[in-house]
Amino acid sequence: MLSTKNIYSKPFISRALFTWLLFIPVAVINGGIREGAYKSVVGELVAHQISCVTGSLAFLMVGYFMLKQLIAEVNNKVLWLTGTAWVMMTILFEFGMGYFSRTPLDRLLNDYNIF
C-alpha cells in the first residue's frame, strides 16, 4: 500500500537541519560533563561508554521534541534519509574539526571503535 504522506516537506527539512545544529552544543555539554564529572572516577573507557549512552539519549530527546509535530507530514523514507544525513554530517563535522585541530587520525577513528 502506498503512503499518502508527502515525500518531501520544506518545513520538515529545514527543522531537521536546525535540529542537527542543536546536536553540536548537546555534544559539547555531554563531553564537558564526562570530562568534569565522572571520567576521573570511572576511567577513560567507561566514561566514553557512559557518554555514548547519555549523548544518544540527549540526541533522541532533542530530535523528538524538535520534530514531533512534523513527523506525520513525511514518509519513512524521508525519516531514514534524515537520520542518514545526520550521521554523515556528524562524521564530516567531527573529522573536519579533528583536521583543523590537528587531532591524530587514529584518535578520531578510536571514537568510532565499538570494540
PDB file of N, CA and C in Angstrom:
ATOM      1  N   MET A   1       0.836  -1.176   0.000  1.00  0.00           N
ATOM      2  CA  MET A   1       0.000   0.000   0.000  1.00  0.00           C
ATOM      3  C   MET A   1       0.885   1.245   0.000  1.00  0.00           C
ATOM      4  N   LEU A   2       0.595   2.193  -0.828  1.00  0.00           N
ATOM      5  CA  LEU A   2       1.371   3.413  -0.927  1.00  0.00           C
ATOM      6  C   LEU A   2       0.999   4.377   0.188  1.00  0.00           C
ATOM      7  N   SER A   3       2.000   5.067   0.671  1.00  0.00           N
ATOM      8  CA  SER A   3       1.782   6.058   1.713  1.00  0.00           C
ATOM      9  C   SER A   3       1.165   7.315   1.116  1.00  0.00           C
ATOM     10  N   THR A   4       0.274   7.925   1.874  1.00  0.00           N
ATOM     11  CA  THR A   4      -0.343   9.173   1.416  1.00  0.00           C
ATOM     12  C   THR A   4       0.409  10.388   1.947  1.00  0.00           C
ATOM     13  N   LYS A   5       1.452  10.157   2.725  1.00  0.00           N
ATOM     14  CA  LYS A   5       2.228  11.251   3.279  1.00  0.00           C
ATOM     15  C   LYS A   5       3.122  11.847   2.189  1.00  0.00           C
ATOM     16  N   ASN A   6       3.434  13.117   2.335  1.00  0.00           N
ATOM     17  CA  ASN A   6       4.358  13.769   1.418  1.00  0.00           C
ATOM     18  C   ASN A   6       5.738  13.136   1.532  1.00  0.00           C
ATOM     19  N   ILE A   7       6.419  13.004   0.404  1.00  0.00           N
ATOM     20  CA  ILE A   7       7.786  12.500   0.449  1.00  0.00           C
ATOM     21  C   ILE A   7       8.754  13.632   0.770  1.00  0.00           C
ATOM     22  N   TYR A   8       8.353  14.865   0.569  1.00  0.00           N
ATOM     23  CA  TYR A   8       9.237  15.996   0.791  1.00  0.00           C
ATOM     24  C   TYR A   8       8.440  17.113   1.458  1.00  0.00           C
ATOM     25  N   SER A   9       8.980  17.668   2.492  1.00  0.00           N
ATOM     26  CA  SER A   9       8.326  18.751   3.211  1.00  0.00           C
ATOM     27  C   SER A   9       9.380  19.782   3.586  1.00  0.00           C
ATOM     28  N   LYS A  10       9.297  20.979   3.005  1.00  0.00           N
ATOM     29  CA  LYS A  10      10.283  22.025   3.300  1.00  0.00           C
ATOM     30  C   LYS A  10      10.349  22.360   4.790  1.00  0.00           C
ATOM     31  N   PRO A  11       9.214  22.489   5.471  1.00  0.00           N
ATOM     32  CA  PRO A  11       9.313  22.771   6.915  1.00  0.00           C
ATOM     33  C   PRO A  11      10.050  21.660   7.671  1.00  0.00           C
ATOM     34  N   PHE A  12       9.814  20.415   7.275  1.00  0.00           N
ATOM     35  CA  PHE A  12      10.486  19.304   7.950  1.00  0.00           C
ATOM     36  C   PHE A  12      11.988  19.342   7.699  1.00  0.00           C
ATOM     37  N   ILE A  13      12.383  19.522   6.441  1.00  0.00           N
ATOM     38  CA  ILE A  13      13.807  19.516   6.100  1.00  0.00           C
ATOM     39  C   ILE A  13      14.536  20.661   6.808  1.00  0.00           C
ATOM     40  N   SER A  14      13.968  21.852   6.803  1.00  0.00           N
ATOM     41  CA  SER A  14      14.634  22.978   7.475  1.00  0.00           C
ATOM     42  C   SER A  14      14.685  22.761   8.983  1.00  0.00           C
ATOM     43  N   ARG A  15      13.642  22.202   9.562  1.00  0.00           N
ATOM     44  CA  ARG A  15      13.646  21.910  11.003  1.00  0.00           C
ATOM     45  C   ARG A  15      14.653  20.804  11.316  1.00  0.00           C
ATOM     46  N   ALA A  16      14.778  19.818  10.432  1.00  0.00           N
ATOM     47  CA  ALA A  16      15.743  18.741  10.641  1.00  0.00           C
ATOM     48  C   ALA A  16      17.176  19.280  10.605  1.00  0.00           C
ATOM     49  N   LEU A  17      17.459  20.205   9.705  1.00  0.00           N
ATOM     50  CA  LEU A  17      18.796  20.810   9.654  1.00  0.00           C
ATOM     51  C   LEU A  17      19.076  21.626  10.916  1.00  0.00           C
ATOM     52  N   PHE A  18      18.101  22.394  11.350  1.00  0.00           N
ATOM     53  CA  PHE A  18      18.255  23.171  12.575  1.00  0.00           C
ATOM     54  C   PHE A  18      18.447  22.245  13.777  1.00  0.00           C
ATOM     55  N   THR A  19      17.727  21.145  13.792  1.00  0.00           N
ATOM     56  CA  THR A  19      17.850  20.175  14.883  1.00  0.00           C
ATOM     57  C   THR A  19      19.262  19.620  14.940  1.00  0.00           C
ATOM     58  N   TRP A  20      19.830  19.305  13.759  1.00  0.00           N
ATOM     59  CA  TRP A  20      21.200  18.800  13.746  1.00  0.00           C
ATOM     60  C   TRP A  20      22.160  19.836  14.326  1.00  0.00           C
ATOM     61  N   LEU A  21      21.948  21.104  14.032  1.00  0.00           N
ATOM     62  CA  LEU A  21      22.804  22.144  14.597  1.00  0.00           C
ATOM     63  C   LEU A  21      22.707  22.176  16.125  1.00  0.00           C
ATOM     64  N   LEU A  22      21.544  21.845  16.650  1.00  0.00           N
ATOM     65  CA  LEU A  22      21.383  21.796  18.111  1.00  0.00           C
ATOM     66  C   LEU A  22      22.165  20.634  18.723  1.00  0.00           C
ATOM     67  N   PHE A  23      22.455  19.619  17.916  1.00  0.00           N
ATOM     68  CA  PHE A  23      23.231  18.483  18.426  1.00  0.00           C
ATOM     69  C   PHE A  23      24.645  18.910  18.825  1.00  0.00           C
ATOM     70  N   ILE A  24      25.166  19.957  18.201  1.00  0.00           N
ATOM     71  CA  ILE A  24      26.540  20.382  18.487  1.00  0.00           C
ATOM     72  C   ILE A  24      26.689  20.831  19.945  1.00  0.00           C
ATOM     73  N   PRO A  25      25.876  21.781  20.428  1.00  0.00           N
ATOM     74  CA  PRO A  25      26.033  22.141  21.845  1.00  0.00           C
ATOM     75  C   PRO A  25      25.677  20.987  22.791  1.00  0.00           C
ATOM     76  N   VAL A  26      24.745  20.130  22.380  1.00  0.00           N
ATOM     77  CA  VAL A  26      24.413  18.966  23.215  1.00  0.00           C
ATOM     78  C   VAL A  26      25.649  18.080  23.370  1.00  0.00           C
ATOM     79  N   ALA A  27      26.374  17.852  22.265  1.00  0.00           N
ATOM     80  CA  ALA A  27      27.577  17.025  22.315  1.00  0.00           C
ATOM     81  C   ALA A  27      28.667  17.670  23.165  1.00  0.00           C
ATOM     82  N   VAL A  28      28.812  18.976  23.040  1.00  0.00           N
ATOM     83  CA  VAL A  28      29.823  19.689  23.822  1.00  0.00           C
ATOM     84  C   VAL A  28      29.493  19.608  25.309  1.00  0.00           C
ATOM     85  N   ILE A  29      28.239  19.825  25.657  1.00  0.00           N
ATOM     86  CA  ILE A  29      27.823  19.740  27.063  1.00  0.00           C
ATOM     87  C   ILE A  29      28.015  18.326  27.589  1.00  0.00           C
ATOM     88  N   ASN A  30      27.628  17.337  26.794  1.00  0.00           N
ATOM     89  CA  ASN A  30      27.785  15.940  27.194  1.00  0.00           C
ATOM     90  C   ASN A  30      29.262  15.617  27.441  1.00  0.00           C
ATOM     91  N   GLY A  31      30.128  16.070  26.540  1.00  0.00           N
ATOM     92  CA  GLY A  31      31.558  15.838  26.715  1.00  0.00           C
ATOM     93  C   GLY A  31      32.114  16.571  27.920  1.00  0.00           C
ATOM     94  N   GLY A  32      31.638  17.780  28.160  1.00  0.00           N
ATOM     95  CA  GLY A  32      32.086  18.538  29.321  1.00  0.00           C
ATOM     96  C   GLY A  32      31.706  17.865  30.630  1.00  0.00           C
ATOM     97  N   ILE A  33      30.497  17.338  30.662  1.00  0.00           N
ATOM     98  CA  ILE A  33      30.057  16.618  31.869  1.00  0.00           C
ATOM     99  C   ILE A  33      30.910  15.365  32.063  1.00  0.00           C
ATOM    100  N   ARG A  34      31.181  14.650  30.977  1.00  0.00           N
ATOM    101  CA  ARG A  34      32.025  13.442  31.058  1.00  0.00           C
ATOM    102  C   ARG A  34      33.401  13.799  31.626  1.00  0.00           C
ATOM    103  N   GLU A  35      34.011  14.821  31.054  1.00  0.00           N
ATOM    104  CA  GLU A  35      35.374  15.185  31.469  1.00  0.00           C
ATOM    105  C   GLU A  35      35.418  15.725  32.898  1.00  0.00           C
ATOM    106  N   GLY A  36      34.413  16.499  33.270  1.00  0.00           N
ATOM    107  CA  GLY A  36      34.445  17.148  34.576  1.00  0.00           C
ATOM    108  C   GLY A  36      33.828  16.368  35.709  1.00  0.00           C
ATOM    109  N   ALA A  37      32.900  15.471  35.409  1.00  0.00           N
ATOM    110  CA  ALA A  37      32.139  14.852  36.495  1.00  0.00           C
ATOM    111  C   ALA A  37      32.529  13.414  36.814  1.00  0.00           C
ATOM    112  N   TYR A  38      32.777  12.583  35.808  1.00  0.00           N
ATOM    113  CA  TYR A  38      32.949  11.173  36.150  1.00  0.00           C
ATOM    114  C   TYR A  38      34.102  10.456  35.462  1.00  0.00           C
ATOM    115  N   LYS A  39      34.795  11.071  34.544  1.00  0.00           N
ATOM    116  CA  LYS A  39      35.913  10.402  33.876  1.00  0.00           C
ATOM    117  C   LYS A  39      37.018  10.030  34.858  1.00  0.00           C
ATOM    118  N   SER A  40      37.343  10.915  35.779  1.00  0.00           N
ATOM    119  CA  SER A  40      38.413  10.634  36.746  1.00  0.00           C
ATOM    120  C   SER A  40      38.018   9.528  37.723  1.00  0.00           C
ATOM    121  N   VAL A  41      36.718   9.305  37.867  1.00  0.00           N
ATOM    122  CA  VAL A  41      36.244   8.282  38.805  1.00  0.00           C
ATOM    123  C   VAL A  41      36.173   6.907  38.148  1.00  0.00           C
ATOM    124  N   VAL A  42      35.644   6.862  36.904  1.00  0.00           N
ATOM    125  CA  VAL A  42      35.388   5.567  36.266  1.00  0.00           C
ATOM    126  C   VAL A  42      36.430   5.193  35.216  1.00  0.00           C
ATOM    127  N   GLY A  43      37.266   6.123  34.804  1.00  0.00           N
ATOM    128  CA  GLY A  43      38.280   5.831  33.800  1.00  0.00           C
ATOM    129  C   GLY A  43      37.814   6.203  32.397  1.00  0.00           C
ATOM    130  N   GLU A  44      38.772   6.230  31.471  1.00  0.00           N
ATOM    131  CA  GLU A  44      38.537   6.677  30.093  1.00  0.00           C
ATOM    132  C   GLU A  44      37.497   5.818  29.361  1.00  0.00           C
ATOM    133  N   LEU A  45      37.666   4.503  29.370  1.00  0.00           N
ATOM    134  CA  LEU A  45      36.784   3.627  28.595  1.00  0.00           C
ATOM    135  C   LEU A  45      35.349   3.688  29.099  1.00  0.00           C
ATOM    136  N   VAL A  46      35.147   3.513  30.389  1.00  0.00           N
ATOM    137  CA  VAL A  46      33.795   3.525  30.950  1.00  0.00           C
ATOM    138  C   VAL A  46      33.158   4.904  30.781  1.00  0.00           C
ATOM    139  N   ALA A  47      33.945   5.950  30.939  1.00  0.00           N
ATOM    140  CA  ALA A  47      33.419   7.301  30.744  1.00  0.00           C
ATOM    141  C   ALA A  47      32.961   7.493  29.304  1.00  0.00           C
ATOM    142  N   HIS A  48      33.737   6.978  28.362  1.00  0.00           N
ATOM    143  CA  HIS A  48      33.355   7.069  26.948  1.00  0.00           C
ATOM    144  C   HIS A  48      32.062   6.299  26.691  1.00  0.00           C
ATOM    145  N   GLN A  49      31.942   5.131  27.285  1.00  0.00           N
ATOM    146  CA  GLN A  49      30.727   4.321  27.109  1.00  0.00           C
ATOM    147  C   GLN A  49      29.509   5.021  27.716  1.00  0.00           C
ATOM    148  N   ILE A  50      29.656   5.550  28.901  1.00  0.00           N
ATOM    149  CA  ILE A  50      28.549   6.286  29.542  1.00  0.00           C
ATOM    150  C   ILE A  50      28.167   7.481  28.686  1.00  0.00           C
ATOM    151  N   SER A  51      29.172   8.197  28.226  1.00  0.00           N
ATOM    152  CA  SER A  51      28.938   9.386  27.409  1.00  0.00           C
ATOM    153  C   SER A  51      28.218   9.042  26.102  1.00  0.00           C
ATOM    154  N   CYS A  52      28.532   7.897  25.517  1.00  0.00           N
ATOM    155  CA  CYS A  52      27.827   7.478  24.294  1.00  0.00           C
ATOM    156  C   CYS A  52      26.341   7.269  24.572  1.00  0.00           C
ATOM    157  N   VAL A  53      26.039   6.645  25.688  1.00  0.00           N
ATOM    158  CA  VAL A  53      24.636   6.393  26.036  1.00  0.00           C
ATOM    159  C   VAL A  53      23.911   7.702  26.358  1.00  0.00           C
ATOM    160  N   THR A  54      24.514   8.526  27.202  1.00  0.00           N
ATOM    161  CA  THR A  54      23.842   9.779  27.567  1.00  0.00           C
ATOM    162  C   THR A  54      23.725  10.717  26.366  1.00  0.00           C
ATOM    163  N   GLY A  55      24.742  10.741  25.525  1.00  0.00           N
ATOM    164  CA  GLY A  55      24.677  11.564  24.317  1.00  0.00           C
ATOM    165  C   GLY A  55      23.589  11.087  23.367  1.00  0.00           C
ATOM    166  N   SER A  56      23.503   9.783  23.178  1.00  0.00           N
ATOM    167  CA  SER A  56      22.468   9.232  22.301  1.00  0.00           C
ATOM    168  C   SER A  56      21.072   9.545  22.818  1.00  0.00           C
ATOM    169  N   LEU A  57      20.887   9.417  24.118  1.00  0.00           N
ATOM    170  CA  LEU A  57      19.581   9.745  24.710  1.00  0.00           C
ATOM    171  C   LEU A  57      19.269  11.232  24.559  1.00  0.00           C
ATOM    172  N   ALA A  58      20.275  12.070  24.742  1.00  0.00           N
ATOM    173  CA  ALA A  58      20.062  13.515  24.591  1.00  0.00           C
ATOM    174  C   ALA A  58      19.704  13.861  23.149  1.00  0.00           C
ATOM    175  N   PHE A  59      20.405  13.254  22.178  1.00  0.00           N
ATOM    176  CA  PHE A  59      20.096  13.491  20.759  1.00  0.00           C
ATOM    177  C   PHE A  59      18.683  13.014  20.436  1.00  0.00           C
ATOM    178  N   LEU A  60      18.305  11.866  20.975  1.00  0.00           N
ATOM    179  CA  LEU A  60      16.956  11.340  20.748  1.00  0.00           C
ATOM    180  C   LEU A  60      15.902  12.301  21.283  1.00  0.00           C
ATOM    181  N   MET A  61      16.131  12.825  22.475  1.00  0.00           N
ATOM    182  CA  MET A  61      15.163  13.760  23.059  1.00  0.00           C
ATOM    183  C   MET A  61      15.079  15.050  22.252  1.00  0.00           C
ATOM    184  N   VAL A  62      16.224  15.602  21.871  1.00  0.00           N
ATOM    185  CA  VAL A  62      16.220  16.834  21.073  1.00  0.00           C
ATOM    186  C   VAL A  62      15.505  16.588  19.747  1.00  0.00           C
ATOM    187  N   GLY A  63      15.859  15.501  19.076  1.00  0.00           N
ATOM    188  CA  GLY A  63      15.221  15.176  17.803  1.00  0.00           C
ATOM    189  C   GLY A  63      13.722  14.993  17.935  1.00  0.00           C
ATOM    190  N   TYR A  64      13.322  14.288  18.971  1.00  0.00           N
ATOM    191  CA  TYR A  64      11.886  14.050  19.179  1.00  0.00           C
ATOM    192  C   TYR A  64      11.132  15.363  19.399  1.00  0.00           C
ATOM    193  N   PHE A  65      11.614  16.167  20.331  1.00  0.00           N
ATOM    194  CA  PHE A  65      10.883  17.392  20.659  1.00  0.00           C
ATOM    195  C   PHE A  65      10.908  18.423  19.531  1.00  0.00           C
ATOM    196  N   MET A  66      11.975  18.411  18.732  1.00  0.00           N
ATOM    197  CA  MET A  66      12.057  19.362  17.621  1.00  0.00           C
ATOM    198  C   MET A  66      11.206  18.939  16.420  1.00  0.00           C
ATOM    199  N   LEU A  67      11.015  17.632  16.247  1.00  0.00           N
ATOM    200  CA  LEU A  67      10.365  17.153  15.015  1.00  0.00           C
ATOM    201  C   LEU A  67       9.011  16.484  15.229  1.00  0.00           C
ATOM    202  N   LYS A  68       8.581  16.334  16.477  1.00  0.00           N
ATOM    203  CA  LYS A  68       7.375  15.546  16.746  1.00  0.00           C
ATOM    204  C   LYS A  68       6.136  16.053  16.012  1.00  0.00           C
ATOM    205  N   GLN A  69       6.018  17.347  15.806  1.00  0.00           N
ATOM    206  CA  GLN A  69       4.822  17.874  15.136  1.00  0.00           C
ATOM    207  C   GLN A  69       4.894  17.735  13.619  1.00  0.00           C
ATOM    208  N   LEU A  70       6.093  17.537  13.086  1.00  0.00           N
ATOM    209  CA  LEU A  70       6.253  17.466  11.629  1.00  0.00           C
ATOM    210  C   LEU A  70       6.441  16.050  11.099  1.00  0.00           C
ATOM    211  N   ILE A  71       6.687  15.093  11.966  1.00  0.00           N
ATOM    212  CA  ILE A  71       6.956  13.726  11.524  1.00  0.00           C
ATOM    213  C   ILE A  71       5.795  13.153  10.720  1.00  0.00           C
ATOM    214  N   ALA A  72       4.577  13.477  11.102  1.00  0.00           N
ATOM    215  CA  ALA A  72       3.409  12.941  10.402  1.00  0.00           C
ATOM    216  C   ALA A  72       3.313  13.432   8.956  1.00  0.00           C
ATOM    217  N   GLU A  73       4.026  14.510   8.619  1.00  0.00           N
ATOM    218  CA  GLU A  73       3.959  15.070   7.270  1.00  0.00           C
ATOM    219  C   GLU A  73       4.836  14.341   6.257  1.00  0.00           C
ATOM    220  N   VAL A  74       5.765  13.531   6.723  1.00  0.00           N
ATOM    221  CA  VAL A  74       6.711  12.886   5.811  1.00  0.00           C
ATOM    222  C   VAL A  74       6.629  11.371   5.946  1.00  0.00           C
ATOM    223  N   ASN A  75       7.106  10.686   4.918  1.00  0.00           N
ATOM    224  CA  ASN A  75       7.061   9.229   4.977  1.00  0.00           C
ATOM    225  C   ASN A  75       8.350   8.674   5.589  1.00  0.00           C
ATOM    226  N   ASN A  76       8.379   7.374   5.780  1.00  0.00           N
ATOM    227  CA  ASN A  76       9.514   6.729   6.439  1.00  0.00           C
ATOM    228  C   ASN A  76      10.813   6.895   5.661  1.00  0.00           C
ATOM    229  N   LYS A  77      10.726   6.968   4.336  1.00  0.00           N
ATOM    230  CA  LYS A  77      11.939   7.145   3.538  1.00  0.00           C
ATOM    231  C   LYS A  77      12.637   8.451   3.902  1.00  0.00           C
ATOM    232  N   VAL A  78      11.875   9.512   4.061  1.00  0.00           N
ATOM    233  CA  VAL A  78      12.458  10.806   4.439  1.00  0.00           C
ATOM    234  C   VAL A  78      13.059  10.725   5.839  1.00  0.00           C
ATOM    235  N   LEU A  79      12.415  10.009   6.743  1.00  0.00           N
ATOM    236  CA  LEU A  79      12.949   9.876   8.095  1.00  0.00           C
ATOM    237  C   LEU A  79      14.280   9.125   8.079  1.00  0.00           C
ATOM    238  N   TRP A  80      14.358   8.047   7.316  1.00  0.00           N
ATOM    239  CA  TRP A  80      15.614   7.300   7.192  1.00  0.00           C
ATOM    240  C   TRP A  80      16.695   8.157   6.539  1.00  0.00           C
ATOM    241  N   LEU A  81      16.329   8.894   5.494  1.00  0.00           N
ATOM    242  CA  LEU A  81      17.294   9.769   4.827  1.00  0.00           C
ATOM    243  C   LEU A  81      17.778  10.871   5.767  1.00  0.00           C
ATOM    244  N   THR A  82      16.880  11.375   6.588  1.00  0.00           N
ATOM    245  CA  THR A  82      17.250  12.405   7.558  1.00  0.00           C
ATOM    246  C   THR A  82      18.256  11.858   8.563  1.00  0.00           C
ATOM    247  N   GLY A  83      17.973  10.693   9.097  1.00  0.00           N
ATOM    248  CA  GLY A  83      18.904  10.065  10.040  1.00  0.00           C
ATOM    249  C   GLY A  83      20.252   9.793   9.409  1.00  0.00           C
ATOM    250  N   THR A  84      20.244   9.305   8.177  1.00  0.00           N
ATOM    251  CA  THR A  84      21.496   9.044   7.461  1.00  0.00           C
ATOM    252  C   THR A  84      22.261  10.341   7.223  1.00  0.00           C
ATOM    253  N   ALA A  85      21.550  11.388   6.846  1.00  0.00           N
ATOM    254  CA  ALA A  85      22.195  12.688   6.628  1.00  0.00           C
ATOM    255  C   ALA A  85      22.794  13.208   7.929  1.00  0.00           C
ATOM    256  N   TRP A  86      22.081  13.038   9.047  1.00  0.00           N
ATOM    257  CA  TRP A  86      22.615  13.480  10.336  1.00  0.00           C
ATOM    258  C   TRP A  86      23.919  12.754  10.668  1.00  0.00           C
ATOM    259  N   VAL A  87      23.941  11.442  10.441  1.00  0.00           N
ATOM    260  CA  VAL A  87      25.152  10.664  10.723  1.00  0.00           C
ATOM    261  C   VAL A  87      26.298  11.147   9.841  1.00  0.00           C
ATOM    262  N   MET A  88      26.048  11.310   8.556  1.00  0.00           N
ATOM    263  CA  MET A  88      27.098  11.748   7.630  1.00  0.00           C
ATOM    264  C   MET A  88      27.596  13.146   7.984  1.00  0.00           C
ATOM    265  N   MET A  89      26.677  14.065   8.297  1.00  0.00           N
ATOM    266  CA  MET A  89      27.086  15.423   8.670  1.00  0.00           C
ATOM    267  C   MET A  89      27.897  15.413   9.958  1.00  0.00           C
ATOM    268  N   THR A  90      27.520  14.559  10.898  1.00  0.00           N
ATOM    269  CA  THR A  90      28.241  14.464  12.160  1.00  0.00           C
ATOM    270  C   THR A  90      29.662  13.952  11.944  1.00  0.00           C
ATOM    271  N   ILE A  91      29.797  12.908  11.135  1.00  0.00           N
ATOM    272  CA  ILE A  91      31.129  12.361  10.850  1.00  0.00           C
ATOM    273  C   ILE A  91      31.982  13.405  10.137  1.00  0.00           C
ATOM    274  N   LEU A  92      31.420  14.069   9.136  1.00  0.00           N
ATOM    275  CA  LEU A  92      32.169  15.119   8.434  1.00  0.00           C
ATOM    276  C   LEU A  92      32.565  16.248   9.388  1.00  0.00           C
ATOM    277  N   PHE A  93      31.662  16.633  10.260  1.00  0.00           N
ATOM    278  CA  PHE A  93      31.948  17.695  11.234  1.00  0.00           C
ATOM    279  C   PHE A  93      33.080  17.268  12.174  1.00  0.00           C
ATOM    280  N   GLU A  94      32.982  16.050  12.725  1.00  0.00           N
ATOM    281  CA  GLU A  94      33.988  15.595  13.678  1.00  0.00           C
ATOM    282  C   GLU A  94      35.366  15.472  13.034  1.00  0.00           C
ATOM    283  N   PHE A  95      35.415  14.889  11.837  1.00  0.00           N
ATOM    284  CA  PHE A  95      36.706  14.736  11.181  1.00  0.00           C
ATOM    285  C   PHE A  95      37.224  16.077  10.674  1.00  0.00           C
ATOM    286  N   GLY A  96      36.336  16.971  10.276  1.00  0.00           N
ATOM    287  CA  GLY A  96      36.754  18.310   9.882  1.00  0.00           C
ATOM    288  C   GLY A  96      37.345  19.066  11.051  1.00  0.00           C
ATOM    289  N   MET A  97      36.664  19.008  12.190  1.00  0.00           N
ATOM    290  CA  MET A  97      37.189  19.664  13.388  1.00  0.00           C
ATOM    291  C   MET A  97      38.504  19.015  13.822  1.00  0.00           C
ATOM    292  N   GLY A  98      38.578  17.706  13.687  1.00  0.00           N
ATOM    293  CA  GLY A  98      39.815  17.000  14.017  1.00  0.00           C
ATOM    294  C   GLY A  98      40.960  17.420  13.121  1.00  0.00           C
ATOM    295  N   TYR A  99      40.677  17.616  11.851  1.00  0.00           N
ATOM    296  CA  TYR A  99      41.701  18.060  10.909  1.00  0.00           C
ATOM    297  C   TYR A  99      42.210  19.449  11.287  1.00  0.00           C
ATOM    298  N   PHE A 100      41.295  20.367  11.541  1.00  0.00           N
ATOM    299  CA  PHE A 100      41.700  21.735  11.859  1.00  0.00           C
ATOM    300  C   PHE A 100      42.358  21.859  13.236  1.00  0.00           C
ATOM    301  N   SER A 101      42.006  20.960  14.145  1.00  0.00           N
ATOM    302  CA  SER A 101      42.647  20.991  15.465  1.00  0.00           C
ATOM    303  C   SER A 101      43.869  20.075  15.518  1.00  0.00           C
ATOM    304  N   ARG A 102      44.190  19.468  14.372  1.00  0.00           N
ATOM    305  CA  ARG A 102      45.368  18.590  14.227  1.00  0.00           C
ATOM    306  C   ARG A 102      45.320  17.397  15.162  1.00  0.00           C
ATOM    307  N   THR A 103      44.117  16.875  15.385  1.00  0.00           N
ATOM    308  CA  THR A 103      43.954  15.660  16.169  1.00  0.00           C
ATOM    309  C   THR A 103      44.392  14.480  15.304  1.00  0.00           C
ATOM    310  N   PRO A 104      45.206  13.584  15.848  1.00  0.00           N
ATOM    311  CA  PRO A 104      45.655  12.434  15.052  1.00  0.00           C
ATOM    312  C   PRO A 104      44.482  11.576  14.578  1.00  0.00           C
ATOM    313  N   LEU A 105      44.599  11.059  13.356  1.00  0.00           N
ATOM    314  CA  LEU A 105      43.526  10.264  12.761  1.00  0.00           C
ATOM    315  C   LEU A 105      43.206   9.040  13.601  1.00  0.00           C
ATOM    316  N   ASP A 106      44.212   8.379  14.169  1.00  0.00           N
ATOM    317  CA  ASP A 106      43.942   7.186  14.968  1.00  0.00           C
ATOM    318  C   ASP A 106      43.093   7.518  16.196  1.00  0.00           C
ATOM    319  N   ARG A 107      43.247   8.713  16.745  1.00  0.00           N
ATOM    320  CA  ARG A 107      42.414   9.115  17.888  1.00  0.00           C
ATOM    321  C   ARG A 107      40.969   9.349  17.448  1.00  0.00           C
ATOM    322  N   LEU A 108      40.788   9.971  16.276  1.00  0.00           N
ATOM    323  CA  LEU A 108      39.435  10.183  15.747  1.00  0.00           C
ATOM    324  C   LEU A 108      38.758   8.850  15.456  1.00  0.00           C
ATOM    325  N   LEU A 109      39.484   7.944  14.819  1.00  0.00           N
ATOM    326  CA  LEU A 109      38.917   6.636  14.489  1.00  0.00           C
ATOM    327  C   LEU A 109      38.596   5.828  15.738  1.00  0.00           C
ATOM    328  N   ASN A 110      39.388   6.011  16.794  1.00  0.00           N
ATOM    329  CA  ASN A 110      39.145   5.293  18.039  1.00  0.00           C
ATOM    330  C   ASN A 110      37.774   5.617  18.630  1.00  0.00           C
ATOM    331  N   ASP A 111      37.276   6.820  18.399  1.00  0.00           N
ATOM    332  CA  ASP A 111      35.953   7.182  18.910  1.00  0.00           C
ATOM    333  C   ASP A 111      34.844   6.391  18.235  1.00  0.00           C
ATOM    334  N   TYR A 112      35.127   5.808  17.076  1.00  0.00           N
ATOM    335  CA  TYR A 112      34.132   5.010  16.357  1.00  0.00           C
ATOM    336  C   TYR A 112      34.346   3.506  16.538  1.00  0.00           C
ATOM    337  N   ASN A 113      35.313   3.133  17.335  1.00  0.00           N
ATOM    338  CA  ASN A 113      35.619   1.722  17.577  1.00  0.00           C
ATOM    339  C   ASN A 113      34.660   1.171  18.630  1.00  0.00           C
ATOM    340  N   ILE A 114      33.728   0.336  18.216  1.00  0.00           N
ATOM    341  CA  ILE A 114      32.736  -0.190  19.162  1.00  0.00           C
ATOM    342  C   ILE A 114      33.275  -1.360  19.974  1.00  0.00           C
ATOM    343  N   PHE A 115      34.477  -1.832  19.655  1.00  0.00           N
ATOM    344  CA  PHE A 115      35.055  -2.938  20.389  1.00  0.00           C
ATOM    345  C   PHE A 115      35.931  -2.429  21.503  1.00  0.00           C
TER     346      PHE A 115
END
